[in-house]
Amino acid sequence: MSRLLDLLLGTEPVHRVRMAQAGLALLLLAPGVVGMNYYAWVGTARPQPVVWWSVLTLLGMVMFYALIRSGWSRRSADPSLTVPQMVYALSSGAVAYALLGEGRGAVFPLVMLVLMFGMFIASPRQMRWVSAYAVGLFGVTMALMAVLRPADYPWTVEIGHFLAVATMMPAVSVLAARLCGMRQRGRAHRADLAQALSRLREHTTRDELTGLLNRRHMEVVMAQEHQRCVRSGQTFCLAVLDLDAFKPVNEAHGYAVGDAVMRAVAQEAQRHVRLSDMLARWGSDDFVLMLSDTRAALARGGLERLGQKVGALRILHGSAAVGVTMSAGLAEHHAGETVAQTLERAERALQEAKAMGAGRVVVAV
């Protein structure tokens, strides 16, 4: 069943919706074809014109289905071909009106089905255009039949039919406008909801000040990396980074300048780590960097270059330029070790680095 639907509708979600709409339009006309042939069978309409009408009506809708299924309709501004389908169906309805004679009133429910189909898809402007076309088309058809076959299409009856059509079409346009407004409000509501959910995800995974991953999410990421390395046999490194003498910066220049320094360091560090590496704010003035598929010997060189970039930063504060240095403790994950144990070794290495002076990198044993 699934394969049959894929064959009929395609696999692309948007394209499947268009195909479903075209299939629905074809199904809506099917009862009209059956009804026309019934009237031909009971003698209300001539059989031969009804047969030709039935063939052309179904072939036309199958043609629209094929144009959409093949992808040709994507060249159009309306890939669903909604308005052309409605115009074709209304034109077919007008011909049916001319063929049915006494049974012509059965065409009006078919016209309503066509308009209801468009109300849920077409824009208000398109529905106004289609409604005007329908009023003009049926007005001409009624007038022509009243002239050619006045016994079957008396003027008094045709004027009543025309007034009904001319009243019905504007009402449909108004309803279409209201439905379109509801669809637009629904889309706007869904967009607002998606944006709110995106902001919520950002708040739960990102540090508000620096925009880096927060500690909670970094713990999840490190656990996932640990599991990946257990399966693959690869390794990773953890580095704990700390800004040297950051407390005096806050005391001398204020916390606003301290926040600016933190943001600048985070942005500079993010620019100079690999895309595969993950950087998080871990505490008030320290960070954790996870380096995937990396040995400590290679990671150390990268950390030293990163420390040089951070040390070269200057954050302007009035007429003064504030700078900081960064120390790092690096640990390569060992097989059989937990993430917490690797991180603990990196923190001990950081303490050794800070004891040796500012801007140092120490690799844990």
Protein backbone atom coordinates (compact mmCIF):
# COMPACT_ATOMS: atom_id res chain seq x y z
CA MET A 1 0.00 0.00 0.00
CA SER A 2 2.81 2.38 0.90
CA ARG A 3 4.56 1.72 -2.40
CA LEU A 4 1.34 2.33 -4.32
CA LEU A 5 0.86 5.69 -2.58
CA ASP A 6 4.48 6.63 -3.33
CA LEU A 7 3.88 5.76 -6.97
CA LEU A 8 0.68 7.80 -7.19
CA LEU A 9 1.65 10.76 -4.99
CA GLY A 10 5.46 10.79 -4.97
CA THR A 11 7.67 10.87 -1.90
CA GLU A 12 8.37 14.59 -1.41
CA PRO A 13 5.98 15.91 1.30
CA VAL A 14 4.98 19.15 -0.46
CA HIS A 15 4.55 17.36 -3.79
CA ARG A 16 2.39 14.71 -2.11
CA VAL A 17 0.04 17.44 -0.86
CA ARG A 18 -0.32 18.83 -4.40
CA MET A 19 -0.97 15.35 -5.77
CA ALA A 20 -3.56 14.68 -3.08
CA GLN A 21 -5.33 17.92 -4.00
CA ALA A 22 -5.35 16.98 -7.70
CA GLY A 23 -6.66 13.52 -6.83
CA LEU A 24 -9.41 15.07 -4.70
CA ALA A 25 -10.44 17.35 -7.59
CA LEU A 26 -10.70 14.32 -9.85
CA LEU A 27 -12.84 12.48 -7.29
CA LEU A 28 -15.12 15.50 -6.88
CA LEU A 29 -15.91 15.46 -10.60
CA ALA A 30 -16.57 11.71 -10.66
CA PRO A 31 -20.10 11.98 -9.14
CA GLY A 32 -20.91 14.65 -11.72
CA VAL A 33 -19.91 12.32 -14.54
CA VAL A 34 -22.05 9.56 -13.05
CA GLY A 35 -25.00 11.94 -12.69
CA MET A 36 -24.68 13.16 -16.27
CA ASN A 37 -24.77 9.62 -17.60
CA TYR A 38 -27.81 8.88 -15.43
CA TYR A 39 -29.69 11.79 -17.03
CA ALA A 40 -28.67 10.49 -20.46
CA TRP A 41 -29.95 7.03 -19.50
CA VAL A 42 -33.36 8.34 -18.40
CA GLY A 43 -33.66 10.43 -21.56
CA THR A 44 -33.25 13.94 -20.11
CA ALA A 45 -30.04 14.52 -22.10
CA ARG A 46 -28.79 13.12 -25.41
CA PRO A 47 -26.41 10.19 -24.80
CA GLN A 48 -23.73 10.94 -27.40
CA PRO A 49 -22.89 14.52 -26.25
CA VAL A 50 -22.91 13.30 -22.64
CA VAL A 51 -20.43 10.55 -23.46
CA TRP A 52 -18.10 13.05 -25.15
CA TRP A 53 -18.52 15.44 -22.21
CA SER A 54 -17.66 12.67 -19.77
CA VAL A 55 -14.53 11.64 -21.68
CA LEU A 56 -13.24 15.21 -22.09
CA THR A 57 -13.98 16.13 -18.47
CA LEU A 58 -12.12 13.15 -17.04
CA LEU A 59 -9.26 13.43 -19.53
CA GLY A 60 -8.79 17.10 -18.61
CA MET A 61 -8.54 16.35 -14.90
CA VAL A 62 -6.21 13.41 -15.56
CA MET A 63 -4.06 15.80 -17.60
CA PHE A 64 -3.78 18.16 -14.62
CA TYR A 65 -2.89 15.20 -12.42
CA ALA A 66 -0.14 14.17 -14.86
CA LEU A 67 1.25 17.71 -15.11
CA ILE A 68 1.58 17.91 -11.32
CA ARG A 69 2.89 14.34 -10.92
CA SER A 70 5.59 14.85 -13.57
CA GLY A 71 6.79 18.05 -11.91
CA TRP A 72 6.04 20.17 -14.98
CA SER A 73 3.67 22.36 -12.95
CA ARG A 74 6.61 23.57 -10.83
CA ARG A 75 7.42 25.97 -13.66
CA SER A 76 4.16 27.74 -12.87
CA ALA A 77 3.69 30.41 -10.20
CA ASP A 78 0.99 28.07 -8.78
CA PRO A 79 2.51 24.55 -8.83
CA SER A 80 -0.81 23.09 -7.61
CA LEU A 81 -2.59 24.49 -10.71
CA THR A 82 -5.54 25.28 -8.45
CA VAL A 83 -7.05 28.08 -10.55
CA PRO A 84 -6.66 26.26 -13.91
CA GLN A 85 -8.32 23.18 -12.41
CA MET A 86 -11.21 25.25 -11.08
CA VAL A 87 -11.65 27.11 -14.39
CA TYR A 88 -11.67 23.82 -16.29
CA ALA A 89 -14.20 22.25 -13.90
CA LEU A 90 -16.48 25.31 -14.05
CA SER A 91 -16.28 25.34 -17.85
CA SER A 92 -17.20 21.66 -17.86
CA GLY A 93 -20.11 22.50 -15.56
CA ALA A 94 -21.36 25.20 -17.93
CA VAL A 95 -21.33 22.72 -20.83
CA ALA A 96 -23.19 20.22 -18.66
CA TYR A 97 -25.78 22.92 -17.91
CA ALA A 98 -26.33 23.36 -21.65
CA LEU A 99 -26.70 19.60 -22.21
CA LEU A 100 -29.03 18.67 -19.37
CA GLY A 101 -32.18 20.60 -20.21
CA GLU A 102 -34.72 19.89 -17.48
CA GLY A 103 -32.05 18.31 -15.26
CA ARG A 104 -29.73 21.34 -15.41
CA GLY A 105 -30.35 22.19 -11.76
CA ALA A 106 -28.14 19.23 -10.84
CA VAL A 107 -25.12 21.23 -12.05
CA PHE A 108 -25.28 23.71 -9.17
CA PRO A 109 -24.18 21.24 -6.45
CA LEU A 110 -21.21 20.34 -8.67
CA VAL A 111 -20.33 24.03 -8.99
CA MET A 112 -20.51 24.38 -5.20
CA LEU A 113 -18.16 21.42 -4.78
CA VAL A 114 -15.66 23.04 -7.14
CA LEU A 115 -15.83 26.31 -5.23
CA MET A 116 -15.52 24.59 -1.85
CA PHE A 117 -12.42 22.80 -3.18
CA GLY A 118 -10.88 26.17 -4.03
CA MET A 119 -11.89 27.89 -0.80
CA PHE A 120 -9.45 25.78 1.21
CA ILE A 121 -6.55 26.20 -1.23
CA ALA A 122 -6.81 29.35 -3.34
CA SER A 123 -6.15 32.90 -2.15
CA PRO A 124 -9.00 35.44 -1.78
CA ARG A 125 -7.82 37.23 -4.92
CA GLN A 126 -7.88 33.98 -6.90
CA MET A 127 -11.34 33.14 -5.58
CA ARG A 128 -12.65 36.58 -6.58
CA TRP A 129 -11.30 36.05 -10.08
CA VAL A 130 -12.77 32.55 -10.34
CA SER A 131 -16.12 33.72 -8.95
CA ALA A 132 -16.31 36.53 -11.50
CA TYR A 133 -15.45 34.03 -14.25
CA ALA A 134 -18.18 31.65 -13.05
CA VAL A 135 -20.83 34.41 -12.96
CA GLY A 136 -19.91 35.58 -16.46
CA LEU A 137 -19.65 32.06 -17.88
CA PHE A 138 -22.98 30.83 -16.53
CA GLY A 139 -24.65 34.14 -17.41
CA VAL A 140 -23.58 33.77 -21.05
CA THR A 141 -24.53 30.07 -21.08
CA MET A 142 -28.00 30.76 -19.65
CA ALA A 143 -28.64 33.64 -22.05
CA LEU A 144 -27.44 31.58 -25.04
CA MET A 145 -29.59 28.58 -24.17
CA ALA A 146 -32.62 30.84 -23.57
CA VAL A 147 -32.20 32.15 -27.11
CA LEU A 148 -31.43 28.79 -28.78
CA ARG A 149 -33.88 26.57 -26.83
CA PRO A 150 -36.49 28.84 -25.22
CA ALA A 151 -38.89 25.93 -24.64
CA ASP A 152 -36.38 24.10 -22.43
CA TYR A 153 -34.64 27.20 -21.03
CA PRO A 154 -37.35 29.88 -20.52
CA TRP A 155 -36.11 33.38 -19.72
CA THR A 156 -38.00 33.59 -16.46
CA VAL A 157 -36.31 30.46 -15.11
CA GLU A 158 -32.86 31.40 -16.45
CA ILE A 159 -33.02 34.84 -14.84
CA GLY A 160 -33.78 33.15 -11.51
CA HIS A 161 -30.88 30.75 -11.99
CA PHE A 162 -28.55 33.60 -12.87
CA LEU A 163 -29.57 35.59 -9.80
CA ALA A 164 -28.84 32.52 -7.66
CA VAL A 165 -25.37 32.13 -9.21
CA ALA A 166 -24.63 35.87 -8.98
CA THR A 167 -25.58 35.82 -5.28
CA MET A 168 -23.75 32.62 -4.46
CA MET A 169 -20.37 33.60 -5.95
CA PRO A 170 -19.72 36.78 -3.88
CA ALA A 171 -20.69 34.87 -0.75
CA VAL A 172 -18.12 32.22 -1.63
CA SER A 173 -15.48 34.93 -2.12
CA VAL A 174 -16.20 36.36 1.35
CA LEU A 175 -15.95 32.91 2.94
CA ALA A 176 -12.71 32.26 1.05
CA ALA A 177 -11.25 35.49 2.42
CA ARG A 178 -12.19 34.51 5.96
CA LEU A 179 -10.70 31.03 5.55
CA CYS A 180 -7.52 32.52 4.12
CA GLY A 181 -7.27 34.85 7.11
CA MET A 182 -7.68 31.89 9.45
CA ARG A 183 -4.94 29.98 7.58
CA GLN A 184 -2.60 32.95 7.78
CA ARG A 185 -3.24 33.38 11.50
CA GLY A 186 -2.65 29.66 11.98
CA ARG A 187 0.66 29.85 10.09
CA ALA A 188 1.72 32.90 12.09
CA HIS A 189 0.81 31.12 15.34
CA ARG A 190 2.83 28.05 14.33
CA ALA A 191 5.78 30.25 13.36
CA ASP A 192 5.64 32.06 16.72
CA LEU A 193 5.44 28.73 18.52
CA ALA A 194 8.43 27.35 16.60
CA GLN A 195 10.40 30.50 17.37
CA ALA A 196 9.52 30.25 21.06
CA LEU A 197 10.56 26.60 21.15
CA SER A 198 13.83 27.50 19.44
CA ARG A 199 14.51 30.19 22.03
CA LEU A 200 13.67 27.74 24.80
CA ARG A 201 16.11 25.20 23.39
CA GLU A 202 18.78 27.90 23.21
CA HIS A 203 18.19 28.86 26.83
CA THR A 204 18.43 25.26 27.99
CA THR A 205 21.64 24.50 26.06
CA ARG A 206 23.47 27.84 25.83
CA ASP A 207 25.15 30.13 28.31
CA GLU A 208 23.32 33.44 28.32
CA LEU A 209 26.42 35.64 28.60
CA THR A 210 28.80 34.02 26.12
CA GLY A 211 26.49 32.06 23.83
CA LEU A 212 28.63 28.94 24.37
CA LEU A 213 27.23 25.60 25.48
CA ASN A 214 26.29 25.66 29.15
CA ARG A 215 27.64 23.19 31.72
CA ARG A 216 24.55 20.99 31.78
CA HIS A 217 24.48 20.48 28.03
CA MET A 218 28.24 20.03 27.86
CA GLU A 219 27.97 17.14 30.31
CA VAL A 220 25.49 15.48 27.95
CA VAL A 221 27.78 16.07 24.95
CA MET A 222 30.81 14.62 26.77
CA ALA A 223 28.82 11.53 27.80
CA GLN A 224 27.77 11.00 24.17
CA GLU A 225 31.37 11.39 22.98
CA HIS A 226 32.50 8.89 25.60
CA GLN A 227 29.98 6.33 24.36
CA ARG A 228 31.03 6.92 20.77
CA CYS A 229 34.68 6.34 21.64
CA VAL A 230 33.83 3.16 23.55
CA ARG A 231 32.19 1.78 20.40
CA SER A 232 34.82 3.00 17.91
CA GLY A 233 37.99 2.61 19.96
CA GLN A 234 38.96 6.23 19.26
CA THR A 235 39.84 8.78 21.90
CA PHE A 236 39.27 12.42 22.79
CA CYS A 237 40.83 15.10 24.97
CA LEU A 238 39.36 17.43 27.57
CA ALA A 239 40.89 20.79 28.39
CA VAL A 240 39.93 23.06 31.27
CA LEU A 241 40.67 26.71 30.45
CA ASP A 242 40.86 29.45 33.04
CA LEU A 243 41.36 33.21 32.73
CA ASP A 244 44.33 34.32 34.81
CA ALA A 245 43.74 37.02 37.42
CA PHE A 246 40.18 37.61 36.24
CA LYS A 247 38.92 38.71 39.67
CA PRO A 248 41.11 41.88 39.68
CA VAL A 249 39.58 42.85 36.31
CA ASN A 250 36.11 42.89 37.87
CA GLU A 251 37.37 44.77 40.92
CA ALA A 252 39.29 47.38 38.94
CA HIS A 253 36.89 47.97 36.04
CA GLY A 254 33.51 46.66 37.16
CA TYR A 255 31.44 43.64 36.28
CA ALA A 256 30.22 45.12 32.98
CA VAL A 257 33.81 45.16 31.71
CA GLY A 258 34.33 41.66 33.13
CA ASP A 259 31.31 40.44 31.15
CA ALA A 260 32.66 42.12 28.01
CA VAL A 261 35.99 40.33 28.52
CA MET A 262 34.23 36.98 28.94
CA ARG A 263 32.22 37.51 25.74
CA ALA A 264 35.31 38.55 23.79
CA VAL A 265 37.32 35.55 25.00
CA ALA A 266 34.44 33.17 24.18
CA GLN A 267 34.06 34.58 20.67
CA GLU A 268 37.81 34.48 20.00
CA ALA A 269 38.09 30.92 21.29
CA GLN A 270 35.10 29.80 19.24
CA ARG A 271 36.72 31.21 16.10
CA HIS A 272 39.92 29.23 16.60
CA VAL A 273 38.68 25.78 17.60
CA ARG A 274 37.76 23.12 15.09
CA LEU A 275 34.15 22.66 14.00
CA SER A 276 34.22 19.18 15.53
CA ASP A 277 35.37 20.51 18.93
CA MET A 278 32.90 21.63 21.59
CA LEU A 279 33.51 24.62 23.84
CA ALA A 280 31.41 25.37 26.93
CA ARG A 281 31.38 27.87 29.75
CA TRP A 282 32.00 25.74 32.83
CA GLY A 283 32.10 28.22 35.71
CA SER A 284 32.35 31.94 36.35
CA ASP A 285 35.68 32.41 34.51
CA ASP A 286 36.61 28.98 33.20
CA PHE A 287 35.74 26.91 30.13
CA VAL A 288 35.87 23.28 29.07
CA LEU A 289 36.97 22.32 25.58
CA MET A 290 36.34 18.82 24.20
CA LEU A 291 38.58 17.86 21.27
CA SER A 292 37.31 14.84 19.33
CA ASP A 293 39.60 12.22 17.74
CA THR A 294 42.70 14.00 19.02
CA ARG A 295 45.81 12.94 20.90
CA ALA A 296 47.23 15.13 23.66
CA ALA A 297 50.41 15.90 21.69
CA LEU A 298 48.42 17.54 18.89
CA ALA A 299 45.87 19.13 21.20
CA ARG A 300 48.57 20.88 23.20
CA GLY A 301 49.79 22.83 20.18
CA GLY A 302 46.27 23.99 19.44
CA LEU A 303 45.75 25.12 23.04
CA GLU A 304 49.02 27.08 23.02
CA ARG A 305 47.97 28.89 19.84
CA LEU A 306 44.56 29.59 21.35
CA GLY A 307 46.24 31.02 24.47
CA GLN A 308 48.27 33.36 22.27
CA LYS A 309 45.13 34.59 20.49
CA VAL A 310 43.37 35.23 23.80
CA GLY A 311 46.45 36.97 25.22
CA ALA A 312 46.51 39.32 22.25
CA LEU A 313 42.92 40.47 22.86
CA ARG A 314 42.35 44.02 24.08
CA ILE A 315 38.92 45.09 25.31
CA LEU A 316 38.53 48.86 25.26
CA HIS A 317 37.27 50.49 28.47
CA GLY A 318 37.28 54.25 28.30
CA SER A 319 40.82 55.25 27.41
CA ALA A 320 42.25 51.96 28.71
CA ALA A 321 42.53 48.57 27.00
CA VAL A 322 41.91 45.53 29.20
CA GLY A 323 43.67 42.28 28.42
CA VAL A 324 43.81 38.82 30.02
CA THR A 325 45.78 35.63 29.69
CA MET A 326 44.54 32.05 29.81
CA SER A 327 45.97 28.90 31.39
CA ALA A 328 44.93 25.38 30.41
CA GLY A 329 45.05 21.86 31.78
CA LEU A 330 44.77 19.10 29.17
CA ALA A 331 43.96 15.39 29.64
CA GLU A 332 43.66 12.66 27.05
CA HIS A 333 40.89 10.17 27.80
CA HIS A 334 42.14 6.71 28.71
CA ALA A 335 40.32 3.47 27.91
CA GLY A 336 38.24 2.32 30.86
CA GLU A 337 38.20 5.79 32.37
CA THR A 338 35.03 7.77 33.03
CA VAL A 339 34.49 11.29 31.76
CA ALA A 340 34.59 12.60 35.33
CA GLN A 341 37.99 11.02 35.86
CA THR A 342 39.39 12.52 32.65
CA LEU A 343 38.01 15.91 33.63
CA GLU A 344 39.50 15.60 37.12
CA ARG A 345 42.96 14.98 35.64
CA ALA A 346 42.53 18.02 33.37
CA GLU A 347 41.61 20.18 36.39
CA ARG A 348 44.71 19.00 38.28
CA ALA A 349 46.81 19.83 35.24
CA LEU A 350 45.26 23.30 35.22
CA GLN A 351 46.26 23.86 38.82
CA GLU A 352 49.84 22.91 37.91
CA ALA A 353 49.76 25.32 34.97
CA LYS A 354 48.56 28.22 37.13
CA ALA A 355 51.22 27.43 39.74
CA MET A 356 53.87 27.78 37.01
CA GLY A 357 52.67 31.24 35.97
CA ALA A 358 50.13 32.86 33.64
CA GLY A 359 49.37 31.62 30.14
CA ARG A 360 50.75 28.06 30.59
CA VAL A 361 49.47 24.73 29.22
CA VAL A 362 50.09 21.52 31.17
CA VAL A 363 49.24 18.03 29.93
CA ALA A 364 48.05 15.55 32.55
CA VAL A 365 49.95 12.32 32.88
